[in-house]
Amino acid sequence: MFTWAPDSEIRNLSVSGWNTFVVPHTDGQDDIPGLMGAIGSYSTNSTILFQKGVNYNAFTPIKFPILNNVEIRIEGNLSYPTDIPTIQAIVGSSSFPGSWFTFSGGNNVTLRGSTDPNWGWIDGHGQAWWDTQNQVDRPHGIAFSKINNGIIRNMKLWKPIAWNFATSGSTNLHAFNNKIVAVSSNPNVSAFPFNTNSYCEGGHGLSIGSLGKGGSVADVQDVLIENVVMNKTLYGARFKSWTGGNGLARKYFVEGATGREVVIFDLHSNTATNIVAKDIFATTESGDPVAVMCDPTTVTNDVGFKCQDGVFIPTKAGLWGVDV
């Protein structure tokens, strides 16, 4: 155990070969250049800490180098720019990495938030975008890409502008206890759609895909989404594939998801195998029966519910504690 020294006195702490970099902060200034200037020295066996009690300004995107045995700990609050034209200019430039927080790859990488309800938030200031229905050059959130053995836990996102977590190219990835709040304070507009994990209030729901668009190769296997709460979302879980694509999607499981339109399997024939929705509980705001969308000609196994465009009827594979 050790105690943090004052921010003005120390940035680099080393304990038994493990380095810790405390991201510096200056009120009213962009805090990302200070991180990017030091990140090369902390890409291995390190913790990068946004410390509790500090409101950081993430006014420019972060692109991490390849990381090995690194933990990113967000215990302070991070804020996007509040000015829409400023963000659009950054996103529209040729140097934009694709997301506001981009991981380039690596091994044994953890992105960890805070369990403190008041700290560890990333504020996207999405309300202004929703009010004007402005979806031009909006930034996606976190691209946790090309990571082998990765963890995303306890992250909290407030009013995000676009997609939250993208995990393309990652393997053996665990995401849990994450919270996304995308509830509009304006009753006349709603949040934009985006992809989520663990808990979401507002938005469209959980999505896999689209896979194979334009004949591209997609290979998605051994996906387990469990114990997920979707509150006031358009649907619980959706899986979409395109005809003409290449590759496969196999062993996709959704367990314990809660939503409004509970499951959508928007598939083309011969594009997915062994997909199951299990232990699903759902209600609708209107009190109408929960619905599903599924074409029975596109699946070959018991998907956990009667595959139809109609009422949600669980089947044997969808019952809790039943293995098929």
Protein backbone atom coordinates (compact mmCIF):
# COMPACT_ATOMS: atom_id res chain seq x y z
CA MET A 1 0.00 0.00 0.00
CA PHE A 2 1.13 3.54 -0.68
CA THR A 3 -0.33 7.02 -0.60
CA TRP A 4 -0.45 9.34 -3.59
CA ALA A 5 1.85 12.34 -3.31
CA PRO A 6 0.44 15.73 -4.30
CA ASP A 7 -0.21 16.04 -8.02
CA SER A 8 2.29 18.89 -8.33
CA GLU A 9 5.09 16.81 -6.83
CA ILE A 10 4.95 13.45 -8.55
CA ARG A 11 3.73 11.85 -11.75
CA ASN A 12 5.60 8.57 -11.93
CA LEU A 13 5.40 5.93 -9.22
CA SER A 14 7.15 2.57 -9.43
CA VAL A 15 6.37 -0.37 -7.18
CA SER A 16 8.18 -3.67 -7.72
CA GLY A 17 8.74 -3.02 -11.40
CA TRP A 18 5.21 -1.80 -12.04
CA ASN A 19 4.97 1.85 -13.12
CA THR A 20 2.08 4.22 -12.51
CA PHE A 21 1.54 7.40 -14.48
CA VAL A 22 -0.87 9.92 -12.96
CA VAL A 23 -2.34 11.94 -15.82
CA PRO A 24 -1.70 15.66 -15.15
CA HIS A 25 -4.53 18.17 -15.22
CA THR A 26 -4.76 21.91 -15.85
CA ASP A 27 -8.09 23.69 -15.38
CA GLY A 28 -9.59 24.84 -18.66
CA GLN A 29 -6.92 23.14 -20.78
CA ASP A 30 -6.86 19.93 -22.80
CA ASP A 31 -5.31 17.22 -20.63
CA ILE A 32 -4.69 14.73 -23.45
CA PRO A 33 -1.37 16.17 -24.76
CA GLY A 34 0.18 15.59 -21.33
CA LEU A 35 -0.85 11.94 -21.49
CA MET A 36 0.22 11.41 -25.10
CA GLY A 37 3.62 12.95 -24.42
CA ALA A 38 4.34 10.33 -21.76
CA ILE A 39 2.43 7.27 -22.97
CA GLY A 40 5.40 5.77 -24.80
CA SER A 41 7.15 5.19 -21.46
CA TYR A 42 4.12 3.47 -19.93
CA SER A 43 3.04 1.01 -22.63
CA THR A 44 4.28 -2.04 -20.69
CA ASN A 45 3.75 -3.17 -17.08
CA SER A 46 2.04 0.08 -16.12
CA THR A 47 -1.06 1.73 -14.75
CA ILE A 48 -2.29 4.94 -16.37
CA LEU A 49 -4.40 6.71 -13.79
CA PHE A 50 -6.98 9.44 -14.19
CA GLN A 51 -7.21 10.13 -10.48
CA LYS A 52 -10.33 10.53 -8.39
CA GLY A 53 -11.36 14.07 -7.55
CA VAL A 54 -10.15 15.53 -10.85
CA ASN A 55 -12.39 16.64 -13.73
CA TYR A 56 -10.22 15.94 -16.77
CA ASN A 57 -10.66 17.59 -20.17
CA ALA A 58 -10.50 15.09 -23.02
CA PHE A 59 -10.72 17.80 -25.66
CA THR A 60 -8.81 15.80 -28.28
CA PRO A 61 -8.87 12.07 -29.10
CA ILE A 62 -6.61 9.53 -27.42
CA LYS A 63 -4.84 6.87 -29.47
CA PHE A 64 -2.94 4.43 -27.33
CA PRO A 65 0.07 2.59 -28.74
CA ILE A 66 0.24 -1.21 -28.51
CA LEU A 67 -0.03 -2.04 -24.81
CA ASN A 68 1.21 -5.06 -22.88
CA ASN A 69 0.22 -5.68 -19.26
CA VAL A 70 -1.35 -2.23 -18.87
CA GLU A 71 -4.31 -0.99 -16.86
CA ILE A 72 -6.11 2.24 -17.72
CA ARG A 73 -7.90 3.37 -14.55
CA ILE A 74 -10.50 6.09 -14.90
CA GLU A 75 -11.23 7.17 -11.34
CA GLY A 76 -11.70 10.87 -12.17
CA ASN A 77 -14.29 12.30 -14.55
CA LEU A 78 -13.53 12.91 -18.24
CA SER A 79 -15.33 15.41 -20.45
CA TYR A 80 -15.62 15.68 -24.21
CA PRO A 81 -15.66 19.18 -25.73
CA THR A 82 -19.08 20.80 -25.41
CA ASP A 83 -18.85 22.63 -28.75
CA ILE A 84 -20.30 20.55 -31.59
CA PRO A 85 -18.41 22.27 -34.47
CA THR A 86 -15.12 21.67 -32.62
CA ILE A 87 -15.79 17.93 -32.41
CA GLN A 88 -17.02 17.77 -36.02
CA ALA A 89 -13.82 19.40 -37.26
CA ILE A 90 -11.75 16.80 -35.41
CA VAL A 91 -13.83 13.83 -36.55
CA GLY A 92 -13.91 15.09 -40.13
CA SER A 93 -10.13 15.43 -40.36
CA SER A 94 -7.98 12.78 -42.01
CA SER A 95 -6.01 12.26 -38.79
CA PHE A 96 -9.00 11.19 -36.68
CA PRO A 97 -8.33 7.62 -35.47
CA GLY A 98 -11.97 6.54 -35.71
CA SER A 99 -12.98 6.83 -32.06
CA TRP A 100 -12.36 9.33 -29.27
CA PHE A 101 -10.53 6.64 -27.29
CA THR A 102 -8.68 4.20 -29.57
CA PHE A 103 -6.66 1.15 -28.57
CA SER A 104 -4.21 -0.03 -31.23
CA GLY A 105 -3.77 -3.55 -29.85
CA GLY A 106 -1.88 -5.47 -27.22
CA ASN A 107 -2.05 -8.18 -24.57
CA ASN A 108 -3.47 -8.25 -21.05
CA VAL A 109 -5.08 -4.82 -21.13
CA THR A 110 -7.67 -3.63 -18.61
CA LEU A 111 -9.91 -0.58 -18.96
CA ARG A 112 -11.27 0.01 -15.48
CA GLY A 113 -13.67 2.64 -14.22
CA SER A 114 -14.79 3.43 -10.69
CA THR A 115 -17.44 1.99 -8.40
CA ASP A 116 -17.91 5.44 -6.83
CA PRO A 117 -21.26 6.71 -8.19
CA ASN A 118 -19.94 10.27 -8.50
CA TRP A 119 -16.59 9.57 -10.14
CA GLY A 120 -15.27 7.67 -13.12
CA TRP A 121 -17.77 9.10 -15.63
CA ILE A 122 -17.03 9.93 -19.26
CA ASP A 123 -19.38 12.75 -20.23
CA GLY A 124 -20.13 12.93 -23.95
CA HIS A 125 -22.48 15.95 -23.66
CA GLY A 126 -24.83 14.20 -26.05
CA GLN A 127 -27.89 16.27 -25.18
CA ALA A 128 -26.92 19.12 -27.51
CA TRP A 129 -26.51 16.64 -30.37
CA TRP A 130 -29.86 14.99 -29.65
CA ASP A 131 -31.69 18.33 -29.36
CA THR A 132 -30.58 19.33 -32.86
CA GLN A 133 -30.73 15.76 -34.24
CA ASN A 134 -27.21 16.33 -35.49
CA GLN A 135 -25.51 13.07 -36.51
CA VAL A 136 -22.87 14.58 -38.82
CA ASP A 137 -19.29 13.65 -37.85
CA ARG A 138 -20.28 12.44 -34.41
CA PRO A 139 -17.49 10.61 -32.57
CA HIS A 140 -17.69 6.98 -31.56
CA GLY A 141 -16.55 6.34 -28.02
CA ILE A 142 -14.06 3.57 -27.18
CA ALA A 143 -12.45 1.28 -29.77
CA PHE A 144 -11.01 -1.52 -27.62
CA SER A 145 -9.56 -3.22 -30.67
CA LYS A 146 -7.02 -5.95 -31.37
CA ILE A 147 -6.63 -6.75 -27.67
CA ASN A 148 -5.81 -10.29 -26.55
CA ASN A 149 -6.96 -10.99 -22.98
CA GLY A 150 -8.81 -7.75 -22.28
CA ILE A 151 -11.14 -6.54 -19.53
CA ILE A 152 -13.60 -3.64 -19.58
CA ARG A 153 -15.17 -3.18 -16.16
CA ASN A 154 -16.92 -0.55 -14.04
CA MET A 155 -16.93 1.97 -16.87
CA LYS A 156 -19.62 4.66 -16.76
CA LEU A 157 -20.68 6.72 -19.78
CA TRP A 158 -23.00 9.75 -19.54
CA LYS A 159 -25.01 10.93 -22.56
CA PRO A 160 -22.75 9.47 -25.24
CA ILE A 161 -22.93 10.86 -28.76
CA ALA A 162 -22.48 7.67 -30.78
CA TRP A 163 -21.39 4.04 -30.32
CA ASN A 164 -19.74 3.27 -27.01
CA PHE A 165 -17.59 0.15 -27.18
CA ALA A 166 -16.18 -1.42 -30.35
CA THR A 167 -14.10 -4.58 -29.93
CA SER A 168 -13.10 -5.49 -33.46
CA GLY A 169 -10.20 -7.95 -33.62
CA SER A 170 -10.11 -8.61 -29.87
CA THR A 171 -10.02 -12.11 -28.34
CA ASN A 172 -10.81 -13.43 -24.87
CA LEU A 173 -12.49 -10.19 -23.88
CA HIS A 174 -14.56 -9.78 -20.70
CA ALA A 175 -16.83 -6.76 -20.19
CA PHE A 176 -18.90 -6.42 -17.04
CA ASN A 177 -20.39 -3.98 -14.52
CA ASN A 178 -20.42 -1.18 -17.08
CA LYS A 179 -23.09 1.52 -17.09
CA ILE A 180 -24.31 3.69 -19.93
CA VAL A 181 -26.90 6.41 -19.33
CA ALA A 182 -28.33 7.95 -22.49
CA VAL A 183 -31.56 9.46 -21.27
CA SER A 184 -32.65 12.70 -22.88
CA SER A 185 -33.74 15.51 -20.57
CA ASN A 186 -35.80 16.85 -23.47
CA PRO A 187 -39.09 14.89 -23.70
CA ASN A 188 -39.36 15.70 -27.42
CA VAL A 189 -36.12 14.00 -28.49
CA SER A 190 -34.40 10.72 -27.73
CA ALA A 191 -30.83 9.51 -27.73
CA PHE A 192 -29.17 8.23 -30.90
CA PRO A 193 -28.64 4.45 -31.33
CA PHE A 194 -25.43 2.89 -30.08
CA ASN A 195 -24.02 -0.42 -28.82
CA THR A 196 -23.81 -1.16 -25.10
CA ASN A 197 -22.73 -3.56 -22.37
CA SER A 198 -23.97 -4.44 -18.85
CA TYR A 199 -26.50 -1.64 -18.16
CA CYS A 200 -28.05 0.83 -20.55
CA GLU A 201 -30.87 3.31 -20.15
CA GLY A 202 -31.99 4.72 -23.47
CA GLY A 203 -30.76 3.96 -26.98
CA HIS A 204 -31.39 1.00 -29.28
CA GLY A 205 -29.89 -1.94 -27.41
CA LEU A 206 -27.20 -4.61 -27.78
CA SER A 207 -26.00 -5.29 -31.31
CA ILE A 208 -23.74 -7.79 -33.03
CA GLY A 209 -23.13 -6.73 -36.61
CA SER A 210 -23.72 -5.87 -39.23
CA LEU A 211 -21.54 -8.77 -40.37
CA GLY A 212 -20.45 -9.40 -43.94
CA LYS A 213 -21.67 -6.15 -45.46
CA GLY A 214 -20.53 -5.64 -49.05
CA GLY A 215 -19.09 -9.14 -49.25
CA SER A 216 -16.58 -8.50 -46.47
CA VAL A 217 -15.18 -11.29 -44.30
CA ALA A 218 -16.59 -11.54 -40.76
CA ASP A 219 -15.54 -14.11 -38.15
CA VAL A 220 -17.35 -13.84 -34.81
CA GLN A 221 -17.22 -16.83 -32.46
CA ASP A 222 -17.82 -17.71 -28.81
CA VAL A 223 -19.68 -14.55 -27.80
CA LEU A 224 -21.41 -14.58 -24.42
CA ILE A 225 -23.50 -11.61 -23.26
CA GLU A 226 -24.98 -12.22 -19.83
CA ASN A 227 -26.70 -10.42 -16.96
CA VAL A 228 -27.45 -7.35 -19.04
CA VAL A 229 -30.17 -4.82 -18.21
CA MET A 230 -31.58 -2.71 -21.04
CA ASN A 231 -33.94 -0.08 -19.63
CA LYS A 232 -36.20 1.91 -21.96
CA THR A 233 -34.35 0.71 -25.05
CA LEU A 234 -35.78 -0.15 -28.46
CA TYR A 235 -34.79 -3.80 -28.15
CA GLY A 236 -32.80 -6.11 -25.89
CA ALA A 237 -30.41 -7.82 -28.32
CA ARG A 238 -29.97 -7.78 -32.08
CA PHE A 239 -27.83 -9.92 -34.38
CA LYS A 240 -27.55 -8.81 -38.00
CA SER A 241 -25.78 -10.38 -40.98
CA TRP A 242 -25.68 -9.52 -44.67
CA THR A 243 -26.16 -11.83 -47.60
CA GLY A 244 -23.07 -12.17 -49.76
CA GLY A 245 -20.69 -11.81 -46.82
CA ASN A 246 -17.96 -14.27 -45.95
CA GLY A 247 -16.79 -15.93 -42.73
CA LEU A 248 -18.97 -17.15 -39.90
CA ALA A 249 -20.71 -16.29 -36.65
CA ARG A 250 -20.84 -19.18 -34.21
CA LYS A 251 -21.71 -19.76 -30.55
CA TYR A 252 -23.45 -16.48 -29.82
CA PHE A 253 -25.28 -16.53 -26.48
CA VAL A 254 -27.41 -13.87 -24.83
CA GLU A 255 -28.31 -14.62 -21.21
CA GLY A 256 -30.35 -12.62 -18.74
CA ALA A 257 -31.03 -9.65 -21.03
CA THR A 258 -33.91 -7.32 -20.26
CA GLY A 259 -35.40 -4.98 -22.85
CA ARG A 260 -38.50 -3.76 -24.67
CA GLU A 261 -38.41 -5.58 -28.03
CA VAL A 262 -36.43 -8.43 -26.65
CA VAL A 263 -34.57 -10.20 -29.49
CA ILE A 264 -34.03 -9.48 -33.18
CA PHE A 265 -32.16 -12.00 -35.34
CA ASP A 266 -31.88 -10.07 -38.60
CA LEU A 267 -30.06 -12.78 -40.54
CA HIS A 268 -29.61 -14.10 -44.04
CA SER A 269 -29.51 -17.84 -44.73
CA ASN A 270 -26.24 -19.68 -44.08
CA THR A 271 -24.62 -16.76 -42.27
CA ALA A 272 -24.84 -17.86 -38.61
CA THR A 273 -24.82 -21.10 -36.58
CA ASN A 274 -25.43 -22.03 -32.94
CA ILE A 275 -26.95 -18.74 -31.79
CA VAL A 276 -28.98 -18.86 -28.58
CA ALA A 277 -30.93 -16.36 -26.47
CA LYS A 278 -31.23 -17.82 -22.98
CA ASP A 279 -32.89 -16.79 -19.70
CA ILE A 280 -34.57 -13.72 -21.18
CA PHE A 281 -36.96 -11.53 -19.18
CA ALA A 282 -38.65 -8.58 -20.87
CA THR A 283 -41.60 -6.21 -20.57
CA THR A 284 -43.01 -3.45 -22.74
CA GLU A 285 -43.93 0.04 -21.56
CA SER A 286 -47.38 -0.34 -23.13
CA GLY A 287 -48.07 -3.68 -21.48
CA ASP A 288 -48.40 -5.35 -24.88
CA PRO A 289 -46.85 -8.82 -25.34
CA VAL A 290 -43.10 -8.85 -25.84
CA ALA A 291 -42.17 -9.37 -29.48
CA VAL A 292 -39.30 -10.96 -31.41
CA MET A 293 -38.17 -10.83 -35.01
CA CYS A 294 -36.66 -13.99 -36.47
CA ASP A 295 -36.87 -15.73 -39.84
CA PRO A 296 -36.98 -19.52 -39.22
CA THR A 297 -35.40 -20.21 -42.63
CA THR A 298 -32.16 -18.55 -41.49
CA VAL A 299 -31.43 -20.67 -38.39
CA THR A 300 -30.74 -24.38 -37.94
CA ASN A 301 -30.88 -24.78 -34.13
CA ASP A 302 -33.18 -23.98 -31.23
CA VAL A 303 -32.38 -20.29 -30.67
CA GLY A 304 -34.06 -20.15 -27.26
CA PHE A 305 -37.43 -18.90 -28.45
CA LYS A 306 -39.90 -19.63 -31.20
CA CYS A 307 -38.26 -18.13 -34.28
CA GLN A 308 -40.98 -15.95 -35.79
CA ASP A 309 -42.03 -12.38 -36.28
CA GLY A 310 -44.40 -12.27 -33.38
CA VAL A 311 -44.82 -12.96 -29.68
CA PHE A 312 -41.80 -14.02 -27.62
CA ILE A 313 -42.29 -17.70 -26.70
CA PRO A 314 -39.32 -19.31 -24.89
CA THR A 315 -38.26 -22.80 -25.96
CA LYS A 316 -36.22 -25.47 -24.19
CA ALA A 317 -32.86 -23.94 -25.17
CA GLY A 318 -33.96 -20.61 -23.72
CA LEU A 319 -34.86 -21.87 -20.25
CA TRP A 320 -32.60 -21.17 -17.30
CA GLY A 321 -30.54 -24.15 -16.16
CA VAL A 322 -31.27 -26.20 -19.27
CA ASP A 323 -28.33 -27.23 -21.47
CA VAL A 324 -29.06 -28.45 -24.97
